[in-house]
Amino acid sequence: MPSLHGLKAELLLLAVAIIWGTSYGLTKEALLYLSVPAFLALRFLLSFLLLSPAILADIKRGLAQDFRPAIVSGLILLSIFLAEVYGVAQTSAANAAFLISLCVMLTPLLEWAIYRRYPGRLTLILASLSLLGVYLLTATTSLSLNLQLNQGDYLILLAALLRALMGIATKKLMQGRNLSSLSLTATQAFVVGAGALVLVFWQQQHFELSLPTHQKFWLILIYLVLFCSIFAFFAMNYGLRHTTPTRVALLTGAEPAFGALFAVLYLGEHLLWYQWIGGLLIMLASLASLAALTTHKT
């Protein structure tokens, strides 16, 4: 049975799945008011400012050297969000929610490649099931072998791969470090926000500070900052300290179901019957992996 810390981590990670499921539709709406890099800079620099007291506390504790690996994990996170948010801007919120869940299958495969730990026949079968789900999900007009992946879908797939790498890399980088989960989250937020801000200046030769005045944008931003950034990444970092990267990925595997449901109910998006089946296959693969791992652990 998992320890008390492990159980707490798993419950937090399940909450992350629900919250992140709502983020794709809301991000898509926020991008109507602001460019991708400007949106990322605003979201993550605000997150950093709210969490900065945690960094100051750890510096006072003499943990300044522990911030170096945290910065590296932040660079990986920056890559994830650039791929993910640009991808969301170019595909449907439902597609994005389903495709990003492939990190559930990619994580054990990457662990196999890096640590030479064979994931087992079941994991490989479930990975194949997920790929079939991706095919059905992205076949927008017919069930031919001609996949209808657009540029946004490819970017989301890249983000899924980077997410899998992120879990493994953060676990390894922070091993033996005493940095608090809040400080790690704050450092990652600063790296993402600063990197996005550099892109804002790079893309605009004559930069003008012009922020949206719409109340809806700011309500979305506040929700994304407090729940999808600060809470979610704190929970992820906490979870990585108390369980494996594969288990973190599996526990957040319910994200696409909430994402698709939110996209249909809130944004009015529509999925064809076989696209629903494709998304269901990805979900079943994730849940079957979780069930198998739980059985093995207990």
Protein backbone atom coordinates (compact mmCIF):
# COMPACT_ATOMS: atom_id res chain seq x y z
CA MET A 1 0.00 0.00 0.00
CA PRO A 2 1.27 3.52 -0.68
CA SER A 3 2.56 5.63 2.23
CA LEU A 4 0.60 8.59 3.59
CA HIS A 5 2.79 10.95 1.54
CA GLY A 6 2.32 8.72 -1.50
CA LEU A 7 -1.47 8.66 -1.10
CA LYS A 8 -1.55 12.45 -0.69
CA ALA A 9 0.58 12.82 -3.82
CA GLU A 10 -1.72 10.55 -5.83
CA LEU A 11 -4.85 12.44 -4.78
CA LEU A 12 -3.19 15.73 -5.73
CA LEU A 13 -2.22 14.31 -9.12
CA LEU A 14 -5.79 13.20 -9.82
CA ALA A 15 -6.92 16.76 -9.04
CA VAL A 16 -4.31 17.99 -11.53
CA ALA A 17 -5.89 15.79 -14.22
CA ILE A 18 -9.26 17.51 -13.73
CA ILE A 19 -7.80 21.03 -13.63
CA TRP A 20 -5.51 20.57 -16.63
CA GLY A 21 -8.42 19.11 -18.57
CA THR A 22 -10.10 22.52 -18.41
CA SER A 23 -6.94 24.42 -19.38
CA TYR A 24 -7.00 23.71 -23.13
CA GLY A 25 -10.35 25.34 -23.79
CA LEU A 26 -9.57 28.31 -21.54
CA THR A 27 -6.11 28.79 -23.07
CA LYS A 28 -7.67 28.74 -26.53
CA GLU A 29 -9.99 31.56 -25.44
CA ALA A 30 -7.20 33.57 -23.80
CA LEU A 31 -5.21 33.46 -27.05
CA LEU A 32 -7.96 35.49 -28.72
CA TYR A 33 -6.71 38.47 -26.69
CA LEU A 34 -2.93 37.97 -26.58
CA SER A 35 -0.13 36.28 -28.56
CA VAL A 36 1.28 32.92 -27.41
CA PRO A 37 4.61 34.22 -25.98
CA ALA A 38 2.96 37.27 -24.36
CA PHE A 39 0.30 35.05 -22.77
CA LEU A 40 2.94 32.62 -21.43
CA ALA A 41 5.11 35.47 -20.11
CA LEU A 42 2.19 37.05 -18.26
CA ARG A 43 0.87 33.77 -16.87
CA PHE A 44 4.17 32.43 -15.56
CA LEU A 45 5.76 35.67 -14.35
CA LEU A 46 2.63 36.28 -12.27
CA SER A 47 2.96 32.73 -10.93
CA PHE A 48 6.61 33.42 -10.08
CA LEU A 49 5.80 36.64 -8.22
CA LEU A 50 3.21 34.86 -6.08
CA LEU A 51 5.68 32.07 -5.25
CA SER A 52 8.83 34.19 -4.84
CA PRO A 53 8.72 34.14 -0.99
CA ALA A 54 9.38 30.39 -1.15
CA ILE A 55 12.57 31.02 -3.14
CA LEU A 56 13.78 33.65 -0.66
CA ALA A 57 13.14 31.24 2.22
CA ASP A 58 15.23 28.49 0.59
CA ILE A 59 18.06 30.92 -0.24
CA LYS A 60 18.15 31.90 3.45
CA ARG A 61 18.41 28.18 4.27
CA GLY A 62 21.62 28.03 2.19
CA LEU A 63 20.12 26.09 -0.72
CA ALA A 64 21.18 28.44 -3.54
CA GLN A 65 23.16 25.67 -5.28
CA ASP A 66 19.99 23.56 -5.57
CA PHE A 67 18.45 26.07 -7.97
CA ARG A 68 20.75 25.09 -10.85
CA PRO A 69 19.03 21.77 -11.66
CA ALA A 70 15.67 23.49 -11.11
CA ILE A 71 16.56 25.95 -13.88
CA VAL A 72 17.30 23.04 -16.24
CA SER A 73 13.88 21.53 -15.53
CA GLY A 74 12.39 24.98 -16.17
CA LEU A 75 13.95 25.07 -19.64
CA ILE A 76 12.32 21.73 -20.44
CA LEU A 77 9.01 23.12 -19.17
CA LEU A 78 9.43 26.20 -21.38
CA SER A 79 9.81 23.91 -24.41
CA ILE A 80 6.68 22.00 -23.38
CA PHE A 81 4.54 25.10 -23.09
CA LEU A 82 5.75 26.65 -26.33
CA ALA A 83 4.85 23.44 -28.18
CA GLU A 84 1.60 22.97 -26.24
CA VAL A 85 0.20 26.50 -26.46
CA TYR A 86 1.17 27.02 -30.11
CA GLY A 87 -0.40 23.61 -30.73
CA VAL A 88 -3.64 24.48 -28.93
CA ALA A 89 -3.87 27.64 -31.04
CA GLN A 90 -3.84 25.50 -34.22
CA THR A 91 -5.98 22.49 -33.28
CA SER A 92 -9.15 21.80 -31.31
CA ALA A 93 -9.12 21.80 -27.52
CA ALA A 94 -10.51 18.24 -27.54
CA ASN A 95 -7.73 16.97 -29.82
CA ALA A 96 -5.10 18.68 -27.68
CA ALA A 97 -6.47 17.10 -24.49
CA PHE A 98 -6.44 13.61 -25.97
CA LEU A 99 -3.08 13.83 -27.76
CA ILE A 100 -1.19 15.21 -24.76
CA SER A 101 -2.21 12.10 -22.81
CA LEU A 102 0.20 10.05 -24.93
CA CYS A 103 2.85 11.08 -22.41
CA VAL A 104 1.28 8.35 -20.25
CA MET A 105 2.56 5.74 -22.67
CA LEU A 106 5.76 7.55 -23.62
CA THR A 107 6.99 7.85 -20.02
CA PRO A 108 7.56 4.11 -19.36
CA LEU A 109 9.10 3.74 -22.82
CA LEU A 110 11.54 6.56 -22.10
CA GLU A 111 12.32 5.06 -18.71
CA TRP A 112 13.10 1.81 -20.54
CA ALA A 113 15.42 3.61 -22.97
CA ILE A 114 17.21 5.60 -20.25
CA TYR A 115 17.34 3.13 -17.34
CA ARG A 116 17.19 -0.13 -19.36
CA ARG A 117 14.11 -1.26 -17.43
CA TYR A 118 11.81 -3.30 -19.68
CA PRO A 119 8.27 -1.92 -19.23
CA GLY A 120 6.62 -5.28 -19.89
CA ARG A 121 4.43 -6.70 -22.64
CA LEU A 122 1.26 -5.10 -21.27
CA THR A 123 2.74 -1.60 -21.49
CA LEU A 124 3.75 -2.15 -25.11
CA ILE A 125 0.27 -3.47 -25.95
CA LEU A 126 -1.33 -0.45 -24.29
CA ALA A 127 1.05 1.87 -26.14
CA SER A 128 -0.17 0.34 -29.41
CA LEU A 129 -3.77 0.80 -28.24
CA SER A 130 -3.04 4.48 -27.61
CA LEU A 131 -1.58 4.89 -31.09
CA LEU A 132 -4.76 3.36 -32.56
CA GLY A 133 -6.71 5.87 -30.49
CA VAL A 134 -4.65 8.74 -31.91
CA TYR A 135 -5.37 7.50 -35.44
CA LEU A 136 -9.14 7.42 -34.84
CA LEU A 137 -9.10 10.77 -33.08
CA THR A 138 -7.28 12.58 -35.89
CA ALA A 139 -9.11 10.93 -38.83
CA THR A 140 -11.45 13.89 -39.27
CA THR A 141 -13.36 12.94 -42.43
CA SER A 142 -12.81 9.23 -43.03
CA LEU A 143 -11.19 6.14 -41.57
CA SER A 144 -8.59 5.84 -44.33
CA LEU A 145 -4.91 5.33 -43.55
CA ASN A 146 -4.31 8.94 -44.55
CA LEU A 147 -3.90 10.60 -41.14
CA GLN A 148 -5.31 14.12 -40.80
CA LEU A 149 -2.68 15.50 -38.44
CA ASN A 150 -2.26 19.25 -38.73
CA GLN A 151 0.64 21.36 -37.48
CA GLY A 152 -1.09 21.93 -34.16
CA ASP A 153 -1.48 18.17 -33.62
CA TYR A 154 2.24 17.62 -34.30
CA LEU A 155 3.14 20.31 -31.77
CA ILE A 156 0.90 18.68 -29.14
CA LEU A 157 2.57 15.31 -29.83
CA LEU A 158 5.96 16.98 -29.33
CA ALA A 159 4.68 18.44 -26.06
CA ALA A 160 3.58 14.94 -24.97
CA LEU A 161 7.09 13.61 -25.61
CA LEU A 162 8.64 16.52 -23.73
CA ARG A 163 6.21 16.00 -20.84
CA ALA A 164 7.39 12.40 -20.53
CA LEU A 165 11.00 13.59 -20.57
CA MET A 166 10.19 16.30 -18.01
CA GLY A 167 8.98 13.83 -15.39
CA ILE A 168 12.06 11.63 -15.71
CA ALA A 169 14.51 14.56 -15.88
CA THR A 170 13.02 16.41 -12.89
CA LYS A 171 13.07 13.24 -10.78
CA LYS A 172 16.75 12.69 -11.64
CA LEU A 173 17.83 16.35 -11.40
CA MET A 174 16.25 16.96 -8.00
CA GLN A 175 17.37 13.68 -6.43
CA GLY A 176 19.18 14.44 -3.17
CA ARG A 177 18.24 18.14 -3.33
CA ASN A 178 16.50 19.86 -0.42
CA LEU A 179 14.73 22.54 -2.44
CA SER A 180 11.05 22.75 -1.48
CA SER A 181 8.41 21.83 -4.05
CA LEU A 182 7.15 25.44 -3.96
CA SER A 183 10.64 26.80 -4.73
CA LEU A 184 11.03 24.33 -7.58
CA THR A 185 7.66 25.40 -8.98
CA ALA A 186 8.60 29.10 -8.63
CA THR A 187 11.94 28.58 -10.40
CA GLN A 188 10.28 26.73 -13.26
CA ALA A 189 7.66 29.49 -13.55
CA PHE A 190 10.39 32.15 -13.73
CA VAL A 191 12.30 30.31 -16.47
CA VAL A 192 9.14 29.81 -18.56
CA GLY A 193 7.99 33.41 -18.05
CA ALA A 194 11.41 34.94 -18.76
CA GLY A 195 11.94 32.75 -21.83
CA ALA A 196 8.53 33.70 -23.20
CA LEU A 197 9.25 37.39 -22.54
CA VAL A 198 12.46 37.13 -24.58
CA LEU A 199 10.36 35.74 -27.44
CA VAL A 200 7.95 38.68 -27.15
CA PHE A 201 10.80 41.18 -27.63
CA TRP A 202 12.40 39.06 -30.36
CA GLN A 203 9.20 38.85 -32.40
CA GLN A 204 8.35 42.55 -32.08
CA GLN A 205 10.97 45.09 -33.15
CA HIS A 206 8.94 47.96 -31.70
CA PHE A 207 7.55 46.56 -28.48
CA GLU A 208 4.55 48.27 -26.94
CA LEU A 209 3.11 47.20 -23.60
CA SER A 210 -0.54 46.60 -24.41
CA LEU A 211 -2.53 44.31 -22.13
CA PRO A 212 -6.11 43.17 -22.73
CA THR A 213 -8.82 45.09 -20.90
CA HIS A 214 -11.51 42.41 -21.18
CA GLN A 215 -12.68 41.07 -17.81
CA LYS A 216 -13.09 37.56 -19.26
CA PHE A 217 -9.38 37.39 -20.17
CA TRP A 218 -8.27 38.32 -16.66
CA LEU A 219 -10.66 35.84 -15.02
CA ILE A 220 -9.24 33.10 -17.24
CA LEU A 221 -5.69 34.21 -16.47
CA ILE A 222 -6.29 34.22 -12.70
CA TYR A 223 -7.70 30.68 -12.89
CA LEU A 224 -4.77 29.46 -15.02
CA VAL A 225 -2.19 31.09 -12.72
CA LEU A 226 -3.64 29.87 -9.42
CA PHE A 227 -4.83 26.40 -10.40
CA CYS A 228 -3.23 25.29 -13.68
CA SER A 229 0.22 26.73 -12.90
CA ILE A 230 0.85 27.16 -9.17
CA PHE A 231 -1.27 24.32 -7.77
CA ALA A 232 -0.76 21.88 -10.65
CA PHE A 233 3.02 22.17 -10.87
CA PHE A 234 3.39 22.13 -7.09
CA ALA A 235 1.38 18.88 -7.09
CA MET A 236 3.50 17.47 -9.95
CA ASN A 237 6.77 18.33 -8.21
CA TYR A 238 5.45 16.98 -4.90
CA GLY A 239 4.31 13.81 -6.65
CA LEU A 240 7.69 13.26 -8.32
CA ARG A 241 9.32 13.31 -4.87
CA HIS A 242 7.01 10.60 -3.54
CA THR A 243 6.34 8.33 -6.53
CA THR A 244 7.79 7.37 -9.94
CA PRO A 245 7.58 9.43 -13.16
CA THR A 246 5.55 6.63 -14.77
CA ARG A 247 3.01 6.70 -11.94
CA VAL A 248 2.76 10.49 -12.14
CA ALA A 249 2.01 10.18 -15.87
CA LEU A 250 -0.55 7.43 -15.30
CA LEU A 251 -2.37 9.26 -12.53
CA THR A 252 -2.80 12.33 -14.74
CA GLY A 253 -4.02 10.11 -17.59
CA ALA A 254 -7.66 11.04 -16.96
CA GLU A 255 -6.90 14.57 -18.21
CA PRO A 256 -8.16 14.01 -21.81
CA ALA A 257 -11.61 12.90 -20.67
CA PHE A 258 -12.12 16.12 -18.71
CA GLY A 259 -10.53 18.12 -21.53
CA ALA A 260 -12.81 16.74 -24.21
CA LEU A 261 -15.89 17.06 -22.01
CA PHE A 262 -15.02 20.67 -21.23
CA ALA A 263 -14.37 21.43 -24.93
CA VAL A 264 -17.74 20.00 -25.94
CA LEU A 265 -19.78 21.56 -23.12
CA TYR A 266 -18.03 24.93 -22.82
CA LEU A 267 -16.67 25.62 -26.32
CA GLY A 268 -19.34 23.78 -28.29
CA GLU A 269 -16.81 21.63 -30.16
CA HIS A 270 -18.07 18.48 -31.88
CA LEU A 271 -16.44 15.07 -32.23
CA LEU A 272 -17.45 12.36 -34.71
CA TRP A 273 -18.40 8.95 -33.29
CA TYR A 274 -15.07 7.33 -34.18
CA GLN A 275 -13.15 10.28 -32.70
CA TRP A 276 -14.91 9.60 -29.40
CA ILE A 277 -13.86 5.94 -29.72
CA GLY A 278 -10.28 7.04 -30.39
CA GLY A 279 -10.25 9.22 -27.30
CA LEU A 280 -11.83 6.41 -25.29
CA LEU A 281 -9.07 3.99 -26.38
CA ILE A 282 -6.41 6.44 -25.19
CA MET A 283 -8.26 6.77 -21.88
CA LEU A 284 -8.67 3.00 -21.48
CA ALA A 285 -4.97 2.47 -22.14
CA SER A 286 -4.12 5.01 -19.45
CA LEU A 287 -6.53 3.53 -16.90
CA ALA A 288 -5.46 -0.04 -17.66
CA SER A 289 -1.85 0.98 -17.09
CA LEU A 290 -2.79 2.53 -13.76
CA ALA A 291 -4.78 -0.56 -12.71
CA ALA A 292 -1.92 -2.89 -13.66
CA LEU A 293 0.63 -0.77 -11.80
CA THR A 294 -1.58 -0.52 -8.71
CA THR A 295 -2.09 -4.30 -8.68
CA HIS A 296 1.66 -4.81 -9.00
CA LYS A 297 2.37 -2.38 -6.15
CA THR A 298 -0.17 -3.91 -3.74
